Amino acid sequence: MRIATSERRKVDEVWSDHTEWHSVCVFGKAAENVGRYLKKGREVAVEGRIQTRKWTDKDGRDRWSTEIIADQIEFLGGGGGGRGGDEAREARPAEHQRNQGQSGDIPF
């Protein structure tokens, strides 16, 4: 999934918004909860590690991708057409141990 982080920056007495986009990989039960409860515009907190992968594109050029491998996703508030309140609390995954390569893993 792709998520955005935004902040306001002041440069030479002028405030502006700055947004960064991040790729997040989610596996197992956490991925099921994301698929069920996460909607565009809904706020989430992601805890995990950053991983950079090298790959070769179709023209033979080396490329790099940086992504967050999520250990835990926490749904925050409502918004974006998603549900808040008790449903969000129930959807929070317990601490997730990633077992890459097992058949139950569902990447996003």
PDB file of N, CA and C in Angstrom:
ATOM      1  N   MET A   1       0.847  -1.169   0.000  1.00  0.00           N
ATOM      2  CA  MET A   1       0.000   0.000   0.000  1.00  0.00           C
ATOM      3  C   MET A   1       0.889   1.227   0.000  1.00  0.00           C
ATOM      4  N   ARG A   2       0.343   2.351  -0.398  1.00  0.00           N
ATOM      5  CA  ARG A   2       1.067   3.617  -0.396  1.00  0.00           C
ATOM      6  C   ARG A   2       0.427   4.521   0.641  1.00  0.00           C
ATOM      7  N   ILE A   3       1.262   5.163   1.465  1.00  0.00           N
ATOM      8  CA  ILE A   3       0.757   6.127   2.437  1.00  0.00           C
ATOM      9  C   ILE A   3       1.537   7.423   2.289  1.00  0.00           C
ATOM     10  N   ALA A   4       0.921   8.509   2.721  1.00  0.00           N
ATOM     11  CA  ALA A   4       1.540   9.827   2.646  1.00  0.00           C
ATOM     12  C   ALA A   4       1.782  10.359   4.048  1.00  0.00           C
ATOM     13  N   THR A   5       2.905  11.038   4.225  1.00  0.00           N
ATOM     14  CA  THR A   5       3.150  11.811   5.441  1.00  0.00           C
ATOM     15  C   THR A   5       3.297  13.262   4.999  1.00  0.00           C
ATOM     16  N   SER A   6       2.681  14.160   5.765  1.00  0.00           N
ATOM     17  CA  SER A   6       2.701  15.577   5.416  1.00  0.00           C
ATOM     18  C   SER A   6       3.190  16.400   6.588  1.00  0.00           C
ATOM     19  N   GLU A   7       3.813  17.509   6.268  1.00  0.00           N
ATOM     20  CA  GLU A   7       4.262  18.451   7.290  1.00  0.00           C
ATOM     21  C   GLU A   7       4.244  19.849   6.695  1.00  0.00           C
ATOM     22  N   ARG A   8       4.180  20.850   7.572  1.00  0.00           N
ATOM     23  CA  ARG A   8       4.269  22.245   7.145  1.00  0.00           C
ATOM     24  C   ARG A   8       5.690  22.707   7.390  1.00  0.00           C
ATOM     25  N   ARG A   9       6.269  23.347   6.390  1.00  0.00           N
ATOM     26  CA  ARG A   9       7.643  23.842   6.473  1.00  0.00           C
ATOM     27  C   ARG A   9       7.641  25.356   6.266  1.00  0.00           C
ATOM     28  N   LYS A  10       8.538  26.008   7.005  1.00  0.00           N
ATOM     29  CA  LYS A  10       8.682  27.445   6.841  1.00  0.00           C
ATOM     30  C   LYS A  10      10.027  27.723   6.178  1.00  0.00           C
ATOM     31  N   VAL A  11       9.985  28.332   4.991  1.00  0.00           N
ATOM     32  CA  VAL A  11      11.182  28.687   4.249  1.00  0.00           C
ATOM     33  C   VAL A  11      11.090  30.180   3.928  1.00  0.00           C
ATOM     34  N   ASP A  12      12.052  30.953   4.438  1.00  0.00           N
ATOM     35  CA  ASP A  12      12.072  32.404   4.190  1.00  0.00           C
ATOM     36  C   ASP A  12      10.744  33.069   4.528  1.00  0.00           C
ATOM     37  N   GLU A  13      10.233  32.791   5.716  1.00  0.00           N
ATOM     38  CA  GLU A  13       8.992  33.397   6.217  1.00  0.00           C
ATOM     39  C   GLU A  13       7.732  32.952   5.475  1.00  0.00           C
ATOM     40  N   VAL A  14       7.828  31.957   4.624  1.00  0.00           N
ATOM     41  CA  VAL A  14       6.670  31.452   3.896  1.00  0.00           C
ATOM     42  C   VAL A  14       6.427  30.000   4.304  1.00  0.00           C
ATOM     43  N   TRP A  15       5.199  29.693   4.744  1.00  0.00           N
ATOM     44  CA  TRP A  15       4.831  28.333   5.113  1.00  0.00           C
ATOM     45  C   TRP A  15       4.321  27.585   3.886  1.00  0.00           C
ATOM     46  N   SER A  16       4.715  26.339   3.761  1.00  0.00           N
ATOM     47  CA  SER A  16       4.197  25.500   2.681  1.00  0.00           C
ATOM     48  C   SER A  16       4.051  24.068   3.184  1.00  0.00           C
ATOM     49  N   ASP A  17       3.156  23.342   2.530  1.00  0.00           N
ATOM     50  CA  ASP A  17       2.951  21.932   2.866  1.00  0.00           C
ATOM     51  C   ASP A  17       3.916  21.080   2.061  1.00  0.00           C
ATOM     52  N   HIS A  18       4.438  20.045   2.712  1.00  0.00           N
ATOM     53  CA  HIS A  18       5.339  19.101   2.042  1.00  0.00           C
ATOM     54  C   HIS A  18       4.822  17.689   2.315  1.00  0.00           C
ATOM     55  N   THR A  19       4.642  16.902   1.247  1.00  0.00           N
ATOM     56  CA  THR A  19       4.133  15.543   1.366  1.00  0.00           C
ATOM     57  C   THR A  19       5.148  14.559   0.808  1.00  0.00           C
ATOM     58  N   GLU A  20       5.390  13.489   1.540  1.00  0.00           N
ATOM     59  CA  GLU A  20       6.236  12.378   1.093  1.00  0.00           C
ATOM     60  C   GLU A  20       5.354  11.141   0.974  1.00  0.00           C
ATOM     61  N   TRP A  21       5.574  10.346  -0.063  1.00  0.00           N
ATOM     62  CA  TRP A  21       4.840   9.098  -0.261  1.00  0.00           C
ATOM     63  C   TRP A  21       5.736   7.914   0.064  1.00  0.00           C
ATOM     64  N   HIS A  22       5.154   6.892   0.714  1.00  0.00           N
ATOM     65  CA  HIS A  22       5.902   5.727   1.171  1.00  0.00           C
ATOM     66  C   HIS A  22       5.182   4.445   0.747  1.00  0.00           C
ATOM     67  N   SER A  23       5.958   3.455   0.337  1.00  0.00           N
ATOM     68  CA  SER A  23       5.426   2.121   0.069  1.00  0.00           C
ATOM     69  C   SER A  23       5.531   1.314   1.350  1.00  0.00           C
ATOM     70  N   VAL A  24       4.443   0.632   1.702  1.00  0.00           N
ATOM     71  CA  VAL A  24       4.403  -0.170   2.925  1.00  0.00           C
ATOM     72  C   VAL A  24       3.987  -1.583   2.555  1.00  0.00           C
ATOM     73  N   CYS A  25       4.743  -2.574   3.028  1.00  0.00           N
ATOM     74  CA  CYS A  25       4.403  -3.988   2.838  1.00  0.00           C
ATOM     75  C   CYS A  25       3.833  -4.515   4.148  1.00  0.00           C
ATOM     76  N   VAL A  26       2.668  -5.150   4.057  1.00  0.00           N
ATOM     77  CA  VAL A  26       1.986  -5.683   5.233  1.00  0.00           C
ATOM     78  C   VAL A  26       1.706  -7.158   4.969  1.00  0.00           C
ATOM     79  N   PHE A  27       1.866  -8.001   5.981  1.00  0.00           N
ATOM     80  CA  PHE A  27       1.711  -9.439   5.816  1.00  0.00           C
ATOM     81  C   PHE A  27       0.744 -10.013   6.843  1.00  0.00           C
ATOM     82  N   GLY A  28       0.201 -11.191   6.565  1.00  0.00           N
ATOM     83  CA  GLY A  28      -0.587 -11.970   7.517  1.00  0.00           C
ATOM     84  C   GLY A  28      -1.877 -11.295   7.948  1.00  0.00           C
ATOM     85  N   LYS A  29      -2.208 -11.449   9.227  1.00  0.00           N
ATOM     86  CA  LYS A  29      -3.444 -10.916   9.795  1.00  0.00           C
ATOM     87  C   LYS A  29      -3.505  -9.398   9.663  1.00  0.00           C
ATOM     88  N   ALA A  30      -2.365  -8.721   9.822  1.00  0.00           N
ATOM     89  CA  ALA A  30      -2.341  -7.267   9.673  1.00  0.00           C
ATOM     90  C   ALA A  30      -2.786  -6.876   8.265  1.00  0.00           C
ATOM     91  N   ALA A  31      -2.359  -7.619   7.246  1.00  0.00           N
ATOM     92  CA  ALA A  31      -2.762  -7.337   5.866  1.00  0.00           C
ATOM     93  C   ALA A  31      -4.266  -7.549   5.687  1.00  0.00           C
ATOM     94  N   GLU A  32      -4.812  -8.575   6.309  1.00  0.00           N
ATOM     95  CA  GLU A  32      -6.256  -8.803   6.242  1.00  0.00           C
ATOM     96  C   GLU A  32      -7.008  -7.625   6.848  1.00  0.00           C
ATOM     97  N   ASN A  33      -6.541  -7.119   7.979  1.00  0.00           N
ATOM     98  CA  ASN A  33      -7.186  -5.984   8.640  1.00  0.00           C
ATOM     99  C   ASN A  33      -7.073  -4.719   7.799  1.00  0.00           C
ATOM    100  N   VAL A  34      -5.932  -4.514   7.173  1.00  0.00           N
ATOM    101  CA  VAL A  34      -5.752  -3.361   6.294  1.00  0.00           C
ATOM    102  C   VAL A  34      -6.738  -3.446   5.135  1.00  0.00           C
ATOM    103  N   GLY A  35      -6.844  -4.600   4.510  1.00  0.00           N
ATOM    104  CA  GLY A  35      -7.772  -4.778   3.402  1.00  0.00           C
ATOM    105  C   GLY A  35      -9.220  -4.553   3.800  1.00  0.00           C
ATOM    106  N   ARG A  36      -9.552  -4.907   5.000  1.00  0.00           N
ATOM    107  CA  ARG A  36     -10.931  -4.788   5.468  1.00  0.00           C
ATOM    108  C   ARG A  36     -11.272  -3.380   5.951  1.00  0.00           C
ATOM    109  N   TYR A  37     -10.385  -2.727   6.709  1.00  0.00           N
ATOM    110  CA  TYR A  37     -10.732  -1.496   7.407  1.00  0.00           C
ATOM    111  C   TYR A  37     -10.078  -0.224   6.876  1.00  0.00           C
ATOM    112  N   LEU A  38      -8.988  -0.321   6.151  1.00  0.00           N
ATOM    113  CA  LEU A  38      -8.290   0.885   5.726  1.00  0.00           C
ATOM    114  C   LEU A  38      -8.886   1.416   4.426  1.00  0.00           C
ATOM    115  N   LYS A  39      -9.285   2.668   4.445  1.00  0.00           N
ATOM    116  CA  LYS A  39      -9.828   3.341   3.269  1.00  0.00           C
ATOM    117  C   LYS A  39      -9.014   4.589   3.007  1.00  0.00           C
ATOM    118  N   LYS A  40      -9.045   5.072   1.780  1.00  0.00           N
ATOM    119  CA  LYS A  40      -8.318   6.277   1.397  1.00  0.00           C
ATOM    120  C   LYS A  40      -8.683   7.428   2.337  1.00  0.00           C
ATOM    121  N   GLY A  41      -7.669   8.114   2.837  1.00  0.00           N
ATOM    122  CA  GLY A  41      -7.880   9.250   3.728  1.00  0.00           C
ATOM    123  C   GLY A  41      -7.876   8.902   5.198  1.00  0.00           C
ATOM    124  N   ARG A  42      -7.922   7.638   5.537  1.00  0.00           N
ATOM    125  CA  ARG A  42      -7.916   7.207   6.938  1.00  0.00           C
ATOM    126  C   ARG A  42      -6.506   7.291   7.488  1.00  0.00           C
ATOM    127  N   GLU A  43      -6.376   7.790   8.702  1.00  0.00           N
ATOM    128  CA  GLU A  43      -5.060   7.906   9.320  1.00  0.00           C
ATOM    129  C   GLU A  43      -4.638   6.588   9.951  1.00  0.00           C
ATOM    130  N   VAL A  44      -3.355   6.259   9.776  1.00  0.00           N
ATOM    131  CA  VAL A  44      -2.784   5.053  10.373  1.00  0.00           C
ATOM    132  C   VAL A  44      -1.414   5.378  10.951  1.00  0.00           C
ATOM    133  N   ALA A  45      -1.023   4.600  11.931  1.00  0.00           N
ATOM    134  CA  ALA A  45       0.344   4.629  12.447  1.00  0.00           C
ATOM    135  C   ALA A  45       0.976   3.304  12.042  1.00  0.00           C
ATOM    136  N   VAL A  46       2.162   3.382  11.457  1.00  0.00           N
ATOM    137  CA  VAL A  46       2.863   2.190  10.981  1.00  0.00           C
ATOM    138  C   VAL A  46       4.157   2.044  11.753  1.00  0.00           C
ATOM    139  N   GLU A  47       4.383   0.849  12.281  1.00  0.00           N
ATOM    140  CA  GLU A  47       5.641   0.550  12.965  1.00  0.00           C
ATOM    141  C   GLU A  47       6.291  -0.603  12.225  1.00  0.00           C
ATOM    142  N   GLY A  48       7.575  -0.450  11.923  1.00  0.00           N
ATOM    143  CA  GLY A  48       8.270  -1.505  11.199  1.00  0.00           C
ATOM    144  C   GLY A  48       9.701  -1.111  10.902  1.00  0.00           C
ATOM    145  N   ARG A  49      10.238  -1.672   9.825  1.00  0.00           N
ATOM    146  CA  ARG A  49      11.614  -1.380   9.456  1.00  0.00           C
ATOM    147  C   ARG A  49      11.666  -0.923   8.007  1.00  0.00           C
ATOM    148  N   ILE A  50      12.711  -0.187   7.675  1.00  0.00           N
ATOM    149  CA  ILE A  50      12.900   0.289   6.319  1.00  0.00           C
ATOM    150  C   ILE A  50      13.822  -0.678   5.581  1.00  0.00           C
ATOM    151  N   GLN A  51      13.446  -0.992   4.349  1.00  0.00           N
ATOM    152  CA  GLN A  51      14.237  -1.918   3.538  1.00  0.00           C
ATOM    153  C   GLN A  51      14.415  -1.332   2.140  1.00  0.00           C
ATOM    154  N   THR A  52      15.629  -1.387   1.631  1.00  0.00           N
ATOM    155  CA  THR A  52      15.898  -0.944   0.264  1.00  0.00           C
ATOM    156  C   THR A  52      16.279  -2.162  -0.563  1.00  0.00           C
ATOM    157  N   ARG A  53      15.615  -2.305  -1.707  1.00  0.00           N
ATOM    158  CA  ARG A  53      15.882  -3.427  -2.609  1.00  0.00           C
ATOM    159  C   ARG A  53      16.442  -2.903  -3.923  1.00  0.00           C
ATOM    160  N   LYS A  54      17.363  -3.660  -4.489  1.00  0.00           N
ATOM    161  CA  LYS A  54      17.900  -3.347  -5.813  1.00  0.00           C
ATOM    162  C   LYS A  54      17.255  -4.298  -6.812  1.00  0.00           C
ATOM    163  N   TRP A  55      16.867  -3.759  -7.976  1.00  0.00           N
ATOM    164  CA  TRP A  55      16.276  -4.569  -9.023  1.00  0.00           C
ATOM    165  C   TRP A  55      16.674  -3.999 -10.379  1.00  0.00           C
ATOM    166  N   THR A  56      16.473  -4.785 -11.405  1.00  0.00           N
ATOM    167  CA  THR A  56      16.845  -4.387 -12.756  1.00  0.00           C
ATOM    168  C   THR A  56      15.574  -4.176 -13.573  1.00  0.00           C
ATOM    169  N   ASP A  57      15.463  -3.004 -14.233  1.00  0.00           N
ATOM    170  CA  ASP A  57      14.275  -2.732 -15.030  1.00  0.00           C
ATOM    171  C   ASP A  57      14.354  -3.448 -16.379  1.00  0.00           C
ATOM    172  N   LYS A  58      13.313  -3.293 -17.186  1.00  0.00           N
ATOM    173  CA  LYS A  58      13.245  -4.014 -18.464  1.00  0.00           C
ATOM    174  C   LYS A  58      14.325  -3.596 -19.448  1.00  0.00           C
ATOM    175  N   ASP A  59      14.929  -2.415 -19.220  1.00  0.00           N
ATOM    176  CA  ASP A  59      16.010  -1.939 -20.091  1.00  0.00           C
ATOM    177  C   ASP A  59      17.389  -2.310 -19.549  1.00  0.00           C
ATOM    178  N   GLY A  60      17.432  -3.115 -18.470  1.00  0.00           N
ATOM    179  CA  GLY A  60      18.695  -3.569 -17.915  1.00  0.00           C
ATOM    180  C   GLY A  60      19.355  -2.594 -16.946  1.00  0.00           C
ATOM    181  N   ARG A  61      18.661  -1.511 -16.589  1.00  0.00           N
ATOM    182  CA  ARG A  61      19.227  -0.530 -15.658  1.00  0.00           C
ATOM    183  C   ARG A  61      18.935  -0.914 -14.215  1.00  0.00           C
ATOM    184  N   ASP A  62      19.927  -0.690 -13.345  1.00  0.00           N
ATOM    185  CA  ASP A  62      19.734  -0.941 -11.922  1.00  0.00           C
ATOM    186  C   ASP A  62      18.829   0.118 -11.328  1.00  0.00           C
ATOM    187  N   ARG A  63      17.873  -0.317 -10.509  1.00  0.00           N
ATOM    188  CA  ARG A  63      16.939   0.570  -9.816  1.00  0.00           C
ATOM    189  C   ARG A  63      16.900   0.162  -8.352  1.00  0.00           C
ATOM    190  N   TRP A  64      16.454   1.085  -7.518  1.00  0.00           N
ATOM    191  CA  TRP A  64      16.328   0.819  -6.092  1.00  0.00           C
ATOM    192  C   TRP A  64      14.943   1.242  -5.634  1.00  0.00           C
ATOM    193  N   SER A  65      14.368   0.469  -4.729  1.00  0.00           N
ATOM    194  CA  SER A  65      13.085   0.788  -4.116  1.00  0.00           C
ATOM    195  C   SER A  65      13.252   0.726  -2.612  1.00  0.00           C
ATOM    196  N   THR A  66      12.756   1.745  -1.927  1.00  0.00           N
ATOM    197  CA  THR A  66      12.776   1.759  -0.465  1.00  0.00           C
ATOM    198  C   THR A  66      11.346   1.623   0.024  1.00  0.00           C
ATOM    199  N   GLU A  67      11.126   0.694   0.950  1.00  0.00           N
ATOM    200  CA  GLU A  67       9.782   0.450   1.461  1.00  0.00           C
ATOM    201  C   GLU A  67       9.829   0.185   2.956  1.00  0.00           C
ATOM    202  N   ILE A  68       8.681   0.310   3.577  1.00  0.00           N
ATOM    203  CA  ILE A  68       8.538   0.008   4.994  1.00  0.00           C
ATOM    204  C   ILE A  68       7.929  -1.377   5.106  1.00  0.00           C
ATOM    205  N   ILE A  69       8.595  -2.257   5.841  1.00  0.00           N
ATOM    206  CA  ILE A  69       8.058  -3.585   6.124  1.00  0.00           C
ATOM    207  C   ILE A  69       7.361  -3.463   7.477  1.00  0.00           C
ATOM    208  N   ALA A  70       6.032  -3.477   7.466  1.00  0.00           N
ATOM    209  CA  ALA A  70       5.248  -3.187   8.670  1.00  0.00           C
ATOM    210  C   ALA A  70       5.240  -4.365   9.627  1.00  0.00           C
ATOM    211  N   ASP A  71       5.494  -4.058  10.891  1.00  0.00           N
ATOM    212  CA  ASP A  71       5.316  -5.037  11.968  1.00  0.00           C
ATOM    213  C   ASP A  71       3.959  -4.847  12.625  1.00  0.00           C
ATOM    214  N   GLN A  72       3.504  -3.591  12.667  1.00  0.00           N
ATOM    215  CA  GLN A  72       2.231  -3.289  13.314  1.00  0.00           C
ATOM    216  C   GLN A  72       1.581  -2.086  12.637  1.00  0.00           C
ATOM    217  N   ILE A  73       0.277  -2.178  12.451  1.00  0.00           N
ATOM    218  CA  ILE A  73      -0.526  -1.096  11.886  1.00  0.00           C
ATOM    219  C   ILE A  73      -1.578  -0.738  12.931  1.00  0.00           C
ATOM    220  N   GLU A  74      -1.703   0.545  13.227  1.00  0.00           N
ATOM    221  CA  GLU A  74      -2.737   0.992  14.159  1.00  0.00           C
ATOM    222  C   GLU A  74      -3.627   1.991  13.432  1.00  0.00           C
ATOM    223  N   PHE A  75      -4.934   1.733  13.426  1.00  0.00           N
ATOM    224  CA  PHE A  75      -5.881   2.627  12.794  1.00  0.00           C
ATOM    225  C   PHE A  75      -6.194   3.760  13.761  1.00  0.00           C
ATOM    226  N   LEU A  76      -6.143   4.994  13.261  1.00  0.00           N
ATOM    227  CA  LEU A  76      -6.351   6.175  14.083  1.00  0.00           C
ATOM    228  C   LEU A  76      -7.619   6.890  13.642  1.00  0.00           C
ATOM    229  N   GLY A  77      -8.533   7.129  14.558  1.00  0.00           N
ATOM    230  CA  GLY A  77      -9.731   7.905  14.245  1.00  0.00           C
ATOM    231  C   GLY A  77     -10.514   7.355  13.073  1.00  0.00           C
ATOM    232  N   GLY A  78     -11.427   8.164  12.571  1.00  0.00           N
ATOM    233  CA  GLY A  78     -12.236   7.792  11.412  1.00  0.00           C
ATOM    234  C   GLY A  78     -11.643   8.418  10.177  1.00  0.00           C
ATOM    235  N   GLY A  79     -12.518   8.935   9.330  1.00  0.00           N
ATOM    236  CA  GLY A  79     -12.065   9.667   8.147  1.00  0.00           C
ATOM    237  C   GLY A  79     -11.964   8.801   6.923  1.00  0.00           C
ATOM    238  N   GLY A  80     -12.028   9.442   5.793  1.00  0.00           N
ATOM    239  CA  GLY A  80     -11.857   8.761   4.518  1.00  0.00           C
ATOM    240  C   GLY A  80     -12.882   7.698   4.248  1.00  0.00           C
ATOM    241  N   GLY A  81     -14.042   7.801   4.915  1.00  0.00           N
ATOM    242  CA  GLY A  81     -15.076   6.806   4.696  1.00  0.00           C
ATOM    243  C   GLY A  81     -14.847   5.538   5.484  1.00  0.00           C
ATOM    244  N   GLY A  82     -13.743   5.473   6.227  1.00  0.00           N
ATOM    245  CA  GLY A  82     -13.479   4.300   7.046  1.00  0.00           C
ATOM    246  C   GLY A  82     -14.228   4.383   8.345  1.00  0.00           C
ATOM    247  N   ARG A  83     -14.214   3.304   9.098  1.00  0.00           N
ATOM    248  CA  ARG A  83     -14.924   3.281  10.362  1.00  0.00           C
ATOM    249  C   ARG A  83     -13.967   3.615  11.485  1.00  0.00           C
ATOM    250  N   GLY A  84     -14.452   4.346  12.459  1.00  0.00           N
ATOM    251  CA  GLY A  84     -13.659   4.663  13.649  1.00  0.00           C
ATOM    252  C   GLY A  84     -14.201   3.903  14.833  1.00  0.00           C
ATOM    253  N   GLY A  85     -13.899   4.371  16.020  1.00  0.00           N
ATOM    254  CA  GLY A  85     -14.483   3.810  17.236  1.00  0.00           C
ATOM    255  C   GLY A  85     -14.091   2.386  17.486  1.00  0.00           C
ATOM    256  N   ASP A  86     -15.078   1.585  17.962  1.00  0.00           N
ATOM    257  CA  ASP A  86     -14.816   0.214  18.393  1.00  0.00           C
ATOM    258  C   ASP A  86     -14.301  -0.665  17.260  1.00  0.00           C
ATOM    259  N   GLU A  87     -14.816  -0.462  16.041  1.00  0.00           N
ATOM    260  CA  GLU A  87     -14.361  -1.293  14.932  1.00  0.00           C
ATOM    261  C   GLU A  87     -12.867  -1.128  14.696  1.00  0.00           C
ATOM    262  N   ALA A  88     -12.372   0.121  14.809  1.00  0.00           N
ATOM    263  CA  ALA A  88     -10.944   0.366  14.597  1.00  0.00           C
ATOM    264  C   ALA A  88     -10.116  -0.290  15.686  1.00  0.00           C
ATOM    265  N   ARG A  89     -10.590  -0.217  16.924  1.00  0.00           N
ATOM    266  CA  ARG A  89      -9.838  -0.840  18.020  1.00  0.00           C
ATOM    267  C   ARG A  89      -9.760  -2.346  17.824  1.00  0.00           C
ATOM    268  N   GLU A  90     -10.855  -2.962  17.396  1.00  0.00           N
ATOM    269  CA  GLU A  90     -10.859  -4.404  17.177  1.00  0.00           C
ATOM    270  C   GLU A  90      -9.971  -4.803  16.014  1.00  0.00           C
ATOM    271  N   ALA A  91      -9.770  -3.893  15.061  1.00  0.00           N
ATOM    272  CA  ALA A  91      -9.001  -4.214  13.859  1.00  0.00           C
ATOM    273  C   ALA A  91      -7.505  -4.126  14.071  1.00  0.00           C
ATOM    274  N   ARG A  92      -7.072  -3.543  15.173  1.00  0.00           N
ATOM    275  CA  ARG A  92      -5.633  -3.405  15.393  1.00  0.00           C
ATOM    276  C   ARG A  92      -4.987  -4.776  15.512  1.00  0.00           C
ATOM    277  N   PRO A  93      -3.996  -5.040  14.705  1.00  0.00           N
ATOM    278  CA  PRO A  93      -3.309  -6.329  14.810  1.00  0.00           C
ATOM    279  C   PRO A  93      -2.408  -6.370  16.034  1.00  0.00           C
ATOM    280  N   ALA A  94      -2.272  -7.545  16.594  1.00  0.00           N
ATOM    281  CA  ALA A  94      -1.297  -7.732  17.661  1.00  0.00           C
ATOM    282  C   ALA A  94       0.085  -7.617  17.035  1.00  0.00           C
ATOM    283  N   GLU A  95       1.116  -7.551  17.860  1.00  0.00           N
ATOM    284  CA  GLU A  95       2.458  -7.450  17.295  1.00  0.00           C
ATOM    285  C   GLU A  95       2.645  -8.591  16.311  1.00  0.00           C
ATOM    286  N   HIS A  96       3.109  -8.230  15.134  1.00  0.00           N
ATOM    287  CA  HIS A  96       3.161  -9.181  14.022  1.00  0.00           C
ATOM    288  C   HIS A  96       4.585  -9.649  13.782  1.00  0.00           C
ATOM    289  N   GLN A  97       4.778 -10.963  13.744  1.00  0.00           N
ATOM    290  CA  GLN A  97       6.084 -11.504  13.389  1.00  0.00           C
ATOM    291  C   GLN A  97       5.996 -11.945  11.944  1.00  0.00           C
ATOM    292  N   ARG A  98       6.848 -11.383  11.122  1.00  0.00           N
ATOM    293  CA  ARG A  98       6.819 -11.645   9.687  1.00  0.00           C
ATOM    294  C   ARG A  98       7.568 -12.926   9.380  1.00  0.00           C
ATOM    295  N   ASN A  99       6.868 -13.854   8.728  1.00  0.00           N
ATOM    296  CA  ASN A  99       7.481 -15.114   8.277  1.00  0.00           C
ATOM    297  C   ASN A  99       7.413 -15.129   6.771  1.00  0.00           C
ATOM    298  N   GLN A 100       8.339 -14.429   6.138  1.00  0.00           N
ATOM    299  CA  GLN A 100       8.318 -14.287   4.684  1.00  0.00           C
ATOM    300  C   GLN A 100       8.410 -15.646   4.013  1.00  0.00           C
ATOM    301  N   GLY A 101       7.598 -15.797   2.971  1.00  0.00           N
ATOM    302  CA  GLY A 101       7.666 -17.009   2.171  1.00  0.00           C
ATOM    303  C   GLY A 101       6.672 -18.069   2.575  1.00  0.00           C
ATOM    304  N   GLN A 102       5.967 -17.919   3.695  1.00  0.00           N
ATOM    305  CA  GLN A 102       4.961 -18.917   4.063  1.00  0.00           C
ATOM    306  C   GLN A 102       3.677 -18.614   3.310  1.00  0.00           C
ATOM    307  N   SER A 103       2.883 -19.629   3.080  1.00  0.00           N
ATOM    308  CA  SER A 103       1.714 -19.484   2.235  1.00  0.00           C
ATOM    309  C   SER A 103       0.653 -18.551   2.810  1.00  0.00           C
ATOM    310  N   GLY A 104       0.653 -18.258   4.097  1.00  0.00           N
ATOM    311  CA  GLY A 104      -0.348 -17.384   4.680  1.00  0.00           C
ATOM    312  C   GLY A 104      -0.039 -15.909   4.546  1.00  0.00           C
ATOM    313  N   ASP A 105       1.124 -15.539   4.045  1.00  0.00           N
ATOM    314  CA  ASP A 105       1.510 -14.128   3.933  1.00  0.00           C
ATOM    315  C   ASP A 105       0.789 -13.472   2.761  1.00  0.00           C
ATOM    316  N   ILE A 106       0.269 -12.262   3.022  1.00  0.00           N
ATOM    317  CA  ILE A 106      -0.436 -11.508   1.987  1.00  0.00           C
ATOM    318  C   ILE A 106       0.209 -10.150   1.888  1.00  0.00           C
ATOM    319  N   PRO A 107       1.062  -9.898   0.900  1.00  0.00           N
ATOM    320  CA  PRO A 107       1.690  -8.574   0.781  1.00  0.00           C
ATOM    321  C   PRO A 107       0.726  -7.566   0.211  1.00  0.00           C
ATOM    322  N   PHE A 108       0.866  -6.298   0.623  1.00  0.00           N
ATOM    323  CA  PHE A 108       0.089  -5.174   0.076  1.00  0.00           C
ATOM    324  C   PHE A 108       1.053  -4.191  -0.482  1.00  0.00           C
TER     325      PHE A 108
END
